[in-house]
């Protein structure tokens, strides 16, 4: 069982559009509090960034492999 970190309270200002987005999520009934909406949004952001950087590494590797093939003369003439 992992230890739970203590909660840190922050006061932040939300734009009217952000408030509407949170309220819309609450109205759908999937979340019971604004904190749950924000938590899920931050988790999704973290996962998206992780997948993005994994994709960047895959592309970088593919480009390096292609450059090596071309330097060996394995490209299409």
Protein backbone atom coordinates (compact mmCIF):
# COMPACT_ATOMS: atom_id res chain seq x y z
CA UNK A 1 0.00 0.00 0.00
CA UNK A 2 1.49 3.36 -1.03
CA UNK A 3 1.63 6.27 1.36
CA UNK A 4 -0.63 9.14 0.44
CA UNK A 5 1.00 12.52 0.07
CA UNK A 6 -0.42 15.33 2.18
CA UNK A 7 -2.82 17.64 0.38
CA UNK A 8 -1.52 21.04 -0.54
CA UNK A 9 -4.12 23.73 -1.01
CA UNK A 10 -3.73 26.29 -3.77
CA UNK A 11 -5.91 29.22 -4.66
CA UNK A 12 -6.12 29.62 -8.41
CA UNK A 13 -8.16 31.85 -10.66
CA UNK A 14 -10.15 30.11 -13.38
CA UNK A 15 -11.39 31.77 -16.52
CA UNK A 16 -15.13 31.63 -17.21
CA UNK A 17 -14.44 29.10 -19.97
CA UNK A 18 -12.55 26.84 -17.56
CA UNK A 19 -15.39 27.04 -15.05
CA UNK A 20 -17.86 26.09 -17.78
CA UNK A 21 -15.72 23.09 -18.75
CA UNK A 22 -15.59 21.88 -15.15
CA UNK A 23 -19.31 22.44 -14.67
CA UNK A 24 -20.05 20.54 -17.89
CA UNK A 25 -18.05 17.56 -16.65
CA UNK A 26 -19.85 17.65 -13.31
CA UNK A 27 -23.22 17.81 -15.09
CA UNK A 28 -22.37 14.59 -16.95
CA UNK A 29 -22.22 12.84 -13.59
CA UNK A 30 -18.85 11.18 -13.99
CA UNK A 31 -17.22 13.34 -11.34
CA UNK A 32 -18.50 14.33 -7.93
CA UNK A 33 -16.33 17.40 -7.37
CA UNK A 34 -14.28 19.97 -9.26
CA UNK A 35 -11.18 18.44 -7.64
CA UNK A 36 -11.92 15.12 -9.33
CA UNK A 37 -12.25 16.86 -12.70
CA UNK A 38 -8.91 18.62 -12.23
CA UNK A 39 -7.23 15.42 -11.02
CA UNK A 40 -8.40 13.52 -14.10
CA UNK A 41 -7.39 16.38 -16.39
CA UNK A 42 -3.88 16.45 -14.92
CA UNK A 43 -3.58 12.66 -15.18
CA UNK A 44 -4.64 12.83 -18.81
CA UNK A 45 -2.16 15.63 -19.49
CA UNK A 46 0.64 13.60 -17.92
CA UNK A 47 -0.23 10.50 -19.96
CA UNK A 48 -0.53 12.50 -23.17
CA UNK A 49 2.87 14.11 -22.65
CA UNK A 50 4.42 10.73 -21.86
CA UNK A 51 2.96 9.19 -25.03
CA UNK A 52 4.13 12.18 -27.04
CA UNK A 53 7.73 11.86 -25.85
CA UNK A 54 7.65 8.10 -26.47
CA UNK A 55 6.47 8.84 -30.02
CA UNK A 56 9.26 11.44 -30.46
CA UNK A 57 11.84 8.83 -29.43
CA UNK A 58 10.37 6.27 -31.86
CA UNK A 59 10.49 8.77 -34.72
CA UNK A 60 14.02 9.84 -33.80
CA UNK A 61 15.13 6.22 -33.79
CA UNK A 62 13.49 5.59 -37.17
CA UNK A 63 15.13 8.67 -38.67
CA UNK A 64 18.53 7.65 -37.35
CA UNK A 65 18.06 4.15 -38.77
CA UNK A 66 17.02 5.57 -42.15
CA UNK A 67 20.03 7.91 -42.21
CA UNK A 68 22.33 4.99 -41.46
CA UNK A 69 20.77 2.97 -44.28
CA UNK A 70 21.21 5.85 -46.71
CA UNK A 71 24.83 6.33 -45.70
CA UNK A 72 25.42 2.64 -46.46
CA UNK A 73 23.89 3.13 -49.90
CA UNK A 74 20.74 1.19 -49.08
CA UNK A 75 18.38 3.91 -50.24
CA UNK A 76 16.14 3.77 -53.30
CA UNK A 77 18.10 4.98 -56.35
